[in-house]
Amino acid sequence: MGIFRSLFKRPQSDSFCEKRLRPRLNCAIATEFSDAGGNTWSCKIVDMSESGFAITTAARLRMGSHVNIIRPAVSTEVVWTVENKAGLRILR
């Protein structure tokens, strides 16, 4: 039983999972983002929270990569990706 407790610890109070459970505003904002290589891609922001965005895009994003949303002008980090959706955390 002790080994399972050490493997499956409760998340810390300021973990990303807990932040994602905060209220989100559903929306449909068409915008663009640029990646580190200078490529520009179109995307749609589908929900917003105080810590980040969820977007849909045809671009292949990798977790941990940095992208710049053009409107609104913010720098973000990709924290999760699933098929054509991605979660972005705002870098402060």
PDB file of N, CA and C in Angstrom:
ATOM      1  N   MET A   1       0.822  -1.195   0.000  1.00  0.00           N
ATOM      2  CA  MET A   1       0.000   0.000   0.000  1.00  0.00           C
ATOM      3  C   MET A   1       0.864   1.256   0.000  1.00  0.00           C
ATOM      4  N   GLY A   2       2.020   1.230   0.660  1.00  0.00           N
ATOM      5  CA  GLY A   2       2.882   2.399   0.746  1.00  0.00           C
ATOM      6  C   GLY A   2       3.428   2.827  -0.608  1.00  0.00           C
ATOM      7  N   ILE A   3       3.730   1.861  -1.482  1.00  0.00           N
ATOM      8  CA  ILE A   3       4.270   2.208  -2.796  1.00  0.00           C
ATOM      9  C   ILE A   3       3.236   2.948  -3.639  1.00  0.00           C
ATOM     10  N   PHE A   4       1.967   2.566  -3.538  1.00  0.00           N
ATOM     11  CA  PHE A   4       0.923   3.251  -4.295  1.00  0.00           C
ATOM     12  C   PHE A   4       0.723   4.679  -3.810  1.00  0.00           C
ATOM     13  N   ARG A   5       0.816   4.883  -2.508  1.00  0.00           N
ATOM     14  CA  ARG A   5       0.680   6.238  -1.972  1.00  0.00           C
ATOM     15  C   ARG A   5       1.812   7.134  -2.474  1.00  0.00           C
ATOM     16  N   SER A   6       3.011   6.581  -2.594  1.00  0.00           N
ATOM     17  CA  SER A   6       4.131   7.404  -3.056  1.00  0.00           C
ATOM     18  C   SER A   6       4.027   7.701  -4.546  1.00  0.00           C
ATOM     19  N   LEU A   7       3.403   6.830  -5.328  1.00  0.00           N
ATOM     20  CA  LEU A   7       3.267   7.046  -6.759  1.00  0.00           C
ATOM     21  C   LEU A   7       2.126   8.006  -7.099  1.00  0.00           C
ATOM     22  N   PHE A   8       1.042   7.942  -6.355  1.00  0.00           N
ATOM     23  CA  PHE A   8      -0.150   8.732  -6.664  1.00  0.00           C
ATOM     24  C   PHE A   8      -0.397   9.779  -5.584  1.00  0.00           C
ATOM     25  N   LYS A   9       0.420  10.806  -5.602  1.00  0.00           N
ATOM     26  CA  LYS A   9       0.254  11.882  -4.630  1.00  0.00           C
ATOM     27  C   LYS A   9      -0.804  12.852  -5.111  1.00  0.00           C
ATOM     28  N   ARG A  10      -1.444  13.527  -4.186  1.00  0.00           N
ATOM     29  CA  ARG A  10      -2.408  14.571  -4.542  1.00  0.00           C
ATOM     30  C   ARG A  10      -1.669  15.727  -5.180  1.00  0.00           C
ATOM     31  N   PRO A  11      -2.270  16.377  -6.171  1.00  0.00           N
ATOM     32  CA  PRO A  11      -1.610  17.535  -6.787  1.00  0.00           C
ATOM     33  C   PRO A  11      -1.448  18.684  -5.804  1.00  0.00           C
ATOM     34  N   GLN A  12      -0.392  19.465  -5.988  1.00  0.00           N
ATOM     35  CA  GLN A  12      -0.160  20.639  -5.152  1.00  0.00           C
ATOM     36  C   GLN A  12      -1.273  21.651  -5.387  1.00  0.00           C
ATOM     37  N   SER A  13      -1.419  22.581  -4.462  1.00  0.00           N
ATOM     38  CA  SER A  13      -2.519  23.541  -4.554  1.00  0.00           C
ATOM     39  C   SER A  13      -2.380  24.479  -5.744  1.00  0.00           C
ATOM     40  N   ASP A  14      -1.168  24.688  -6.251  1.00  0.00           N
ATOM     41  CA  ASP A  14      -1.081  25.566  -7.392  1.00  0.00           C
ATOM     42  C   ASP A  14      -0.644  24.803  -8.665  1.00  0.00           C
ATOM     43  N   SER A  15      -1.071  23.552  -8.779  1.00  0.00           N
ATOM     44  CA  SER A  15      -0.779  22.763  -9.968  1.00  0.00           C
ATOM     45  C   SER A  15      -1.641  23.224 -11.140  1.00  0.00           C
ATOM     46  N   PHE A  16      -1.225  22.897 -12.362  1.00  0.00           N
ATOM     47  CA  PHE A  16      -1.977  23.307 -13.544  1.00  0.00           C
ATOM     48  C   PHE A  16      -3.374  22.690 -13.547  1.00  0.00           C
ATOM     49  N   CYS A  17      -3.514  21.449 -13.069  1.00  0.00           N
ATOM     50  CA  CYS A  17      -4.821  20.787 -13.071  1.00  0.00           C
ATOM     51  C   CYS A  17      -5.834  21.581 -12.269  1.00  0.00           C
ATOM     52  N   GLU A  18      -5.425  22.073 -11.110  1.00  0.00           N
ATOM     53  CA  GLU A  18      -6.354  22.839 -10.288  1.00  0.00           C
ATOM     54  C   GLU A  18      -6.691  24.174 -10.957  1.00  0.00           C
ATOM     55  N   LYS A  19      -5.707  24.826 -11.574  1.00  0.00           N
ATOM     56  CA  LYS A  19      -5.977  26.089 -12.252  1.00  0.00           C
ATOM     57  C   LYS A  19      -6.963  25.887 -13.385  1.00  0.00           C
ATOM     58  N   ARG A  20      -6.895  24.760 -14.089  1.00  0.00           N
ATOM     59  CA  ARG A  20      -7.779  24.499 -15.220  1.00  0.00           C
ATOM     60  C   ARG A  20      -9.222  24.325 -14.757  1.00  0.00           C
ATOM     61  N   LEU A  21      -9.438  23.980 -13.510  1.00  0.00           N
ATOM     62  CA  LEU A  21     -10.793  23.802 -12.993  1.00  0.00           C
ATOM     63  C   LEU A  21     -11.462  25.120 -12.633  1.00  0.00           C
ATOM     64  N   ARG A  22     -10.715  26.222 -12.692  1.00  0.00           N
ATOM     65  CA  ARG A  22     -11.311  27.525 -12.412  1.00  0.00           C
ATOM     66  C   ARG A  22     -12.264  27.903 -13.534  1.00  0.00           C
ATOM     67  N   PRO A  23     -13.129  28.874 -13.302  1.00  0.00           N
ATOM     68  CA  PRO A  23     -14.124  29.254 -14.322  1.00  0.00           C
ATOM     69  C   PRO A  23     -13.478  29.670 -15.643  1.00  0.00           C
ATOM     70  N   ARG A  24     -14.127  29.268 -16.740  1.00  0.00           N
ATOM     71  CA  ARG A  24     -13.668  29.607 -18.083  1.00  0.00           C
ATOM     72  C   ARG A  24     -14.789  30.290 -18.830  1.00  0.00           C
ATOM     73  N   LEU A  25     -14.415  31.171 -19.732  1.00  0.00           N
ATOM     74  CA  LEU A  25     -15.361  31.871 -20.576  1.00  0.00           C
ATOM     75  C   LEU A  25     -15.337  31.212 -21.948  1.00  0.00           C
ATOM     76  N   ASN A  26     -16.442  30.590 -22.347  1.00  0.00           N
ATOM     77  CA  ASN A  26     -16.516  30.012 -23.688  1.00  0.00           C
ATOM     78  C   ASN A  26     -16.618  31.138 -24.701  1.00  0.00           C
ATOM     79  N   CYS A  27     -15.876  31.023 -25.787  1.00  0.00           N
ATOM     80  CA  CYS A  27     -15.889  32.058 -26.812  1.00  0.00           C
ATOM     81  C   CYS A  27     -15.477  31.444 -28.147  1.00  0.00           C
ATOM     82  N   ALA A  28     -15.480  32.255 -29.183  1.00  0.00           N
ATOM     83  CA  ALA A  28     -15.045  31.832 -30.512  1.00  0.00           C
ATOM     84  C   ALA A  28     -14.377  33.028 -31.172  1.00  0.00           C
ATOM     85  N   ILE A  29     -13.108  33.242 -30.834  1.00  0.00           N
ATOM     86  CA  ILE A  29     -12.361  34.384 -31.338  1.00  0.00           C
ATOM     87  C   ILE A  29     -11.351  33.899 -32.372  1.00  0.00           C
ATOM     88  N   ALA A  30     -11.510  34.349 -33.614  1.00  0.00           N
ATOM     89  CA  ALA A  30     -10.557  33.992 -34.664  1.00  0.00           C
ATOM     90  C   ALA A  30      -9.336  34.891 -34.540  1.00  0.00           C
ATOM     91  N   THR A  31      -8.150  34.290 -34.511  1.00  0.00           N
ATOM     92  CA  THR A  31      -6.908  35.042 -34.371  1.00  0.00           C
ATOM     93  C   THR A  31      -5.772  34.272 -35.028  1.00  0.00           C
ATOM     94  N   GLU A  32      -4.560  34.711 -34.813  1.00  0.00           N
ATOM     95  CA  GLU A  32      -3.379  34.051 -35.351  1.00  0.00           C
ATOM     96  C   GLU A  32      -2.336  33.936 -34.257  1.00  0.00           C
ATOM     97  N   PHE A  33      -1.377  33.016 -34.465  1.00  0.00           N
ATOM     98  CA  PHE A  33      -0.235  32.936 -33.560  1.00  0.00           C
ATOM     99  C   PHE A  33       1.009  32.676 -34.386  1.00  0.00           C
ATOM    100  N   SER A  34       2.152  33.018 -33.803  1.00  0.00           N
ATOM    101  CA  SER A  34       3.427  32.732 -34.457  1.00  0.00           C
ATOM    102  C   SER A  34       4.241  31.824 -33.548  1.00  0.00           C
ATOM    103  N   ASP A  35       4.966  30.899 -34.159  1.00  0.00           N
ATOM    104  CA  ASP A  35       5.798  29.987 -33.381  1.00  0.00           C
ATOM    105  C   ASP A  35       7.236  30.505 -33.346  1.00  0.00           C
ATOM    106  N   ALA A  36       8.121  29.734 -32.735  1.00  0.00           N
ATOM    107  CA  ALA A  36       9.518  30.153 -32.591  1.00  0.00           C
ATOM    108  C   ALA A  36      10.224  30.291 -33.936  1.00  0.00           C
ATOM    109  N   GLY A  37       9.773  29.566 -34.954  1.00  0.00           N
ATOM    110  CA  GLY A  37      10.376  29.642 -36.273  1.00  0.00           C
ATOM    111  C   GLY A  37       9.894  30.819 -37.104  1.00  0.00           C
ATOM    112  N   GLY A  38       8.987  31.627 -36.576  1.00  0.00           N
ATOM    113  CA  GLY A  38       8.461  32.777 -37.301  1.00  0.00           C
ATOM    114  C   GLY A  38       7.277  32.451 -38.197  1.00  0.00           C
ATOM    115  N   ASN A  39       6.818  31.204 -38.188  1.00  0.00           N
ATOM    116  CA  ASN A  39       5.645  30.820 -38.983  1.00  0.00           C
ATOM    117  C   ASN A  39       4.382  31.351 -38.326  1.00  0.00           C
ATOM    118  N   THR A  40       3.442  31.818 -39.123  1.00  0.00           N
ATOM    119  CA  THR A  40       2.169  32.321 -38.612  1.00  0.00           C
ATOM    120  C   THR A  40       1.055  31.351 -38.987  1.00  0.00           C
ATOM    121  N   TRP A  41       0.219  31.013 -38.007  1.00  0.00           N
ATOM    122  CA  TRP A  41      -0.878  30.067 -38.188  1.00  0.00           C
ATOM    123  C   TRP A  41      -2.168  30.708 -37.714  1.00  0.00           C
ATOM    124  N   SER A  42      -3.269  30.353 -38.356  1.00  0.00           N
ATOM    125  CA  SER A  42      -4.567  30.820 -37.871  1.00  0.00           C
ATOM    126  C   SER A  42      -5.069  29.854 -36.805  1.00  0.00           C
ATOM    127  N   CYS A  43      -5.862  30.375 -35.892  1.00  0.00           N
ATOM    128  CA  CYS A  43      -6.430  29.546 -34.829  1.00  0.00           C
ATOM    129  C   CYS A  43      -7.703  30.207 -34.336  1.00  0.00           C
ATOM    130  N   LYS A  44      -8.414  29.485 -33.509  1.00  0.00           N
ATOM    131  CA  LYS A  44      -9.623  30.012 -32.883  1.00  0.00           C
ATOM    132  C   LYS A  44      -9.515  29.768 -31.383  1.00  0.00           C
ATOM    133  N   ILE A  45      -9.662  30.825 -30.601  1.00  0.00           N
ATOM    134  CA  ILE A  45      -9.684  30.686 -29.143  1.00  0.00           C
ATOM    135  C   ILE A  45     -11.083  30.215 -28.776  1.00  0.00           C
ATOM    136  N   VAL A  46     -11.193  29.041 -28.134  1.00  0.00           N
ATOM    137  CA  VAL A  46     -12.505  28.485 -27.818  1.00  0.00           C
ATOM    138  C   VAL A  46     -12.896  28.663 -26.360  1.00  0.00           C
ATOM    139  N   ASP A  47     -11.923  28.904 -25.488  1.00  0.00           N
ATOM    140  CA  ASP A  47     -12.254  29.311 -24.124  1.00  0.00           C
ATOM    141  C   ASP A  47     -11.073  30.043 -23.503  1.00  0.00           C
ATOM    142  N   MET A  48     -11.396  30.886 -22.537  1.00  0.00           N
ATOM    143  CA  MET A  48     -10.395  31.709 -21.867  1.00  0.00           C
ATOM    144  C   MET A  48     -10.573  31.597 -20.367  1.00  0.00           C
ATOM    145  N   SER A  49      -9.454  31.643 -19.647  1.00  0.00           N
ATOM    146  CA  SER A  49      -9.501  31.734 -18.193  1.00  0.00           C
ATOM    147  C   SER A  49      -8.446  32.743 -17.783  1.00  0.00           C
ATOM    148  N   GLU A  50      -8.320  33.001 -16.494  1.00  0.00           N
ATOM    149  CA  GLU A  50      -7.338  33.982 -16.048  1.00  0.00           C
ATOM    150  C   GLU A  50      -5.916  33.484 -16.243  1.00  0.00           C
ATOM    151  N   SER A  51      -5.710  32.183 -16.444  1.00  0.00           N
ATOM    152  CA  SER A  51      -4.352  31.664 -16.603  1.00  0.00           C
ATOM    153  C   SER A  51      -4.005  31.275 -18.036  1.00  0.00           C
ATOM    154  N   GLY A  52      -4.985  31.220 -18.959  1.00  0.00           N
ATOM    155  CA  GLY A  52      -4.638  30.841 -20.322  1.00  0.00           C
ATOM    156  C   GLY A  52      -5.825  30.681 -21.247  1.00  0.00           C
ATOM    157  N   PHE A  53      -5.564  29.995 -22.369  1.00  0.00           N
ATOM    158  CA  PHE A  53      -6.543  29.808 -23.433  1.00  0.00           C
ATOM    159  C   PHE A  53      -6.608  28.346 -23.844  1.00  0.00           C
ATOM    160  N   ALA A  54      -7.699  27.962 -24.462  1.00  0.00           N
ATOM    161  CA  ALA A  54      -7.775  26.711 -25.222  1.00  0.00           C
ATOM    162  C   ALA A  54      -8.032  27.130 -26.662  1.00  0.00           C
ATOM    163  N   ILE A  55      -7.280  26.548 -27.601  1.00  0.00           N
ATOM    164  CA  ILE A  55      -7.411  26.931 -29.006  1.00  0.00           C
ATOM    165  C   ILE A  55      -7.627  25.704 -29.873  1.00  0.00           C
ATOM    166  N   THR A  56      -8.166  25.927 -31.054  1.00  0.00           N
ATOM    167  CA  THR A  56      -8.195  24.909 -32.099  1.00  0.00           C
ATOM    168  C   THR A  56      -7.377  25.449 -33.262  1.00  0.00           C
ATOM    169  N   THR A  57      -6.582  24.585 -33.880  1.00  0.00           N
ATOM    170  CA  THR A  57      -5.714  24.999 -34.973  1.00  0.00           C
ATOM    171  C   THR A  57      -5.311  23.786 -35.805  1.00  0.00           C
ATOM    172  N   ALA A  58      -4.894  24.040 -37.024  1.00  0.00           N
ATOM    173  CA  ALA A  58      -4.400  22.969 -37.886  1.00  0.00           C
ATOM    174  C   ALA A  58      -2.906  22.743 -37.685  1.00  0.00           C
ATOM    175  N   ALA A  59      -2.243  23.626 -36.945  1.00  0.00           N
ATOM    176  CA  ALA A  59      -0.803  23.506 -36.700  1.00  0.00           C
ATOM    177  C   ALA A  59      -0.516  22.369 -35.729  1.00  0.00           C
ATOM    178  N   ARG A  60       0.634  21.752 -35.878  1.00  0.00           N
ATOM    179  CA  ARG A  60       1.079  20.701 -34.961  1.00  0.00           C
ATOM    180  C   ARG A  60       1.902  21.352 -33.857  1.00  0.00           C
ATOM    181  N   LEU A  61       1.339  21.449 -32.675  1.00  0.00           N
ATOM    182  CA  LEU A  61       2.021  22.063 -31.544  1.00  0.00           C
ATOM    183  C   LEU A  61       2.567  20.985 -30.620  1.00  0.00           C
ATOM    184  N   ARG A  62       3.695  21.282 -29.980  1.00  0.00           N
ATOM    185  CA  ARG A  62       4.290  20.351 -29.023  1.00  0.00           C
ATOM    186  C   ARG A  62       4.227  20.948 -27.630  1.00  0.00           C
ATOM    187  N   MET A  63       4.027  20.087 -26.642  1.00  0.00           N
ATOM    188  CA  MET A  63       3.999  20.542 -25.259  1.00  0.00           C
ATOM    189  C   MET A  63       5.334  21.186 -24.913  1.00  0.00           C
ATOM    190  N   GLY A  64       5.267  22.305 -24.212  1.00  0.00           N
ATOM    191  CA  GLY A  64       6.469  23.009 -23.793  1.00  0.00           C
ATOM    192  C   GLY A  64       6.952  24.060 -24.774  1.00  0.00           C
ATOM    193  N   SER A  65       6.405  24.068 -25.996  1.00  0.00           N
ATOM    194  CA  SER A  65       6.837  25.076 -26.963  1.00  0.00           C
ATOM    195  C   SER A  65       6.185  26.420 -26.648  1.00  0.00           C
ATOM    196  N   HIS A  66       6.836  27.489 -27.083  1.00  0.00           N
ATOM    197  CA  HIS A  66       6.345  28.841 -26.839  1.00  0.00           C
ATOM    198  C   HIS A  66       5.754  29.399 -28.122  1.00  0.00           C
ATOM    199  N   VAL A  67       4.576  30.006 -28.012  1.00  0.00           N
ATOM    200  CA  VAL A  67       3.926  30.648 -29.152  1.00  0.00           C
ATOM    201  C   VAL A  67       3.437  32.028 -28.727  1.00  0.00           C
ATOM    202  N   ASN A  68       3.364  32.928 -29.681  1.00  0.00           N
ATOM    203  CA  ASN A  68       2.880  34.285 -29.427  1.00  0.00           C
ATOM    204  C   ASN A  68       1.543  34.466 -30.103  1.00  0.00           C
ATOM    205  N   ILE A  69       0.506  34.721 -29.311  1.00  0.00           N
ATOM    206  CA  ILE A  69      -0.809  35.028 -29.859  1.00  0.00           C
ATOM    207  C   ILE A  69      -0.752  36.477 -30.351  1.00  0.00           C
ATOM    208  N   ILE A  70      -1.252  36.715 -31.561  1.00  0.00           N
ATOM    209  CA  ILE A  70      -1.146  38.047 -32.151  1.00  0.00           C
ATOM    210  C   ILE A  70      -2.221  38.992 -31.624  1.00  0.00           C
ATOM    211  N   ARG A  71      -3.475  38.551 -31.563  1.00  0.00           N
ATOM    212  CA  ARG A  71      -4.551  39.357 -30.977  1.00  0.00           C
ATOM    213  C   ARG A  71      -5.297  38.491 -29.989  1.00  0.00           C
ATOM    214  N   PRO A  72      -5.284  38.709 -28.715  1.00  0.00           N
ATOM    215  CA  PRO A  72      -4.545  39.714 -27.957  1.00  0.00           C
ATOM    216  C   PRO A  72      -3.056  39.384 -27.937  1.00  0.00           C
ATOM    217  N   ALA A  73      -2.203  40.368 -27.867  1.00  0.00           N
ATOM    218  CA  ALA A  73      -0.749  40.175 -27.948  1.00  0.00           C
ATOM    219  C   ALA A  73      -0.216  39.639 -26.623  1.00  0.00           C
ATOM    220  N   VAL A  74      -0.045  38.305 -26.551  1.00  0.00           N
ATOM    221  CA  VAL A  74       0.490  37.667 -25.350  1.00  0.00           C
ATOM    222  C   VAL A  74       1.428  36.533 -25.747  1.00  0.00           C
ATOM    223  N   SER A  75       2.399  36.276 -24.879  1.00  0.00           N
ATOM    224  CA  SER A  75       3.286  35.131 -25.046  1.00  0.00           C
ATOM    225  C   SER A  75       2.717  33.990 -24.222  1.00  0.00           C
ATOM    226  N   THR A  76       2.726  32.783 -24.798  1.00  0.00           N
ATOM    227  CA  THR A  76       2.144  31.629 -24.111  1.00  0.00           C
ATOM    228  C   THR A  76       3.043  30.412 -24.242  1.00  0.00           C
ATOM    229  N   GLU A  77       2.755  29.417 -23.423  1.00  0.00           N
ATOM    230  CA  GLU A  77       3.432  28.124 -23.475  1.00  0.00           C
ATOM    231  C   GLU A  77       2.373  27.041 -23.657  1.00  0.00           C
ATOM    232  N   VAL A  78       2.644  26.071 -24.512  1.00  0.00           N
ATOM    233  CA  VAL A  78       1.709  24.978 -24.751  1.00  0.00           C
ATOM    234  C   VAL A  78       1.821  23.995 -23.586  1.00  0.00           C
ATOM    235  N   VAL A  79       0.696  23.749 -22.898  1.00  0.00           N
ATOM    236  CA  VAL A  79       0.706  22.850 -21.747  1.00  0.00           C
ATOM    237  C   VAL A  79       0.005  21.522 -22.023  1.00  0.00           C
ATOM    238  N   TRP A  80      -0.863  21.471 -23.025  1.00  0.00           N
ATOM    239  CA  TRP A  80      -1.460  20.200 -23.436  1.00  0.00           C
ATOM    240  C   TRP A  80      -1.897  20.302 -24.890  1.00  0.00           C
ATOM    241  N   THR A  81      -1.888  19.158 -25.567  1.00  0.00           N
ATOM    242  CA  THR A  81      -2.361  19.093 -26.948  1.00  0.00           C
ATOM    243  C   THR A  81      -3.138  17.794 -27.147  1.00  0.00           C
ATOM    244  N   VAL A  82      -4.226  17.880 -27.902  1.00  0.00           N
ATOM    245  CA  VAL A  82      -5.037  16.727 -28.274  1.00  0.00           C
ATOM    246  C   VAL A  82      -5.549  16.994 -29.679  1.00  0.00           C
ATOM    247  N   GLU A  83      -5.092  16.195 -30.643  1.00  0.00           N
ATOM    248  CA  GLU A  83      -5.462  16.339 -32.053  1.00  0.00           C
ATOM    249  C   GLU A  83      -5.326  17.783 -32.508  1.00  0.00           C
ATOM    250  N   ASN A  84      -6.426  18.481 -32.761  1.00  0.00           N
ATOM    251  CA  ASN A  84      -6.341  19.854 -33.267  1.00  0.00           C
ATOM    252  C   ASN A  84      -6.595  20.901 -32.178  1.00  0.00           C
ATOM    253  N   LYS A  85      -6.582  20.496 -30.920  1.00  0.00           N
ATOM    254  CA  LYS A  85      -6.792  21.426 -29.806  1.00  0.00           C
ATOM    255  C   LYS A  85      -5.514  21.534 -28.974  1.00  0.00           C
ATOM    256  N   ALA A  86      -5.341  22.682 -28.340  1.00  0.00           N
ATOM    257  CA  ALA A  86      -4.178  22.890 -27.469  1.00  0.00           C
ATOM    258  C   ALA A  86      -4.564  23.826 -26.337  1.00  0.00           C
ATOM    259  N   GLY A  87      -3.912  23.647 -25.202  1.00  0.00           N
ATOM    260  CA  GLY A  87      -4.077  24.538 -24.062  1.00  0.00           C
ATOM    261  C   GLY A  87      -2.829  25.376 -23.906  1.00  0.00           C
ATOM    262  N   LEU A  88      -3.013  26.681 -23.772  1.00  0.00           N
ATOM    263  CA  LEU A  88      -1.899  27.608 -23.667  1.00  0.00           C
ATOM    264  C   LEU A  88      -1.947  28.321 -22.337  1.00  0.00           C
ATOM    265  N   ARG A  89      -0.794  28.375 -21.662  1.00  0.00           N
ATOM    266  CA  ARG A  89      -0.680  29.095 -20.393  1.00  0.00           C
ATOM    267  C   ARG A  89      -0.006  30.425 -20.684  1.00  0.00           C
ATOM    268  N   ILE A  90      -0.578  31.504 -20.188  1.00  0.00           N
ATOM    269  CA  ILE A  90      -0.016  32.840 -20.392  1.00  0.00           C
ATOM    270  C   ILE A  90       1.259  32.982 -19.573  1.00  0.00           C
ATOM    271  N   LEU A  91       2.323  33.437 -20.236  1.00  0.00           N
ATOM    272  CA  LEU A  91       3.593  33.694 -19.548  1.00  0.00           C
ATOM    273  C   LEU A  91       3.586  35.137 -19.075  1.00  0.00           C
ATOM    274  N   ARG A  92       3.918  35.335 -17.843  1.00  0.00           N
ATOM    275  CA  ARG A  92       3.901  36.693 -17.280  1.00  0.00           C
ATOM    276  C   ARG A  92       5.298  37.219 -17.135  1.00  0.00           C
TER     277      ARG A  92
END
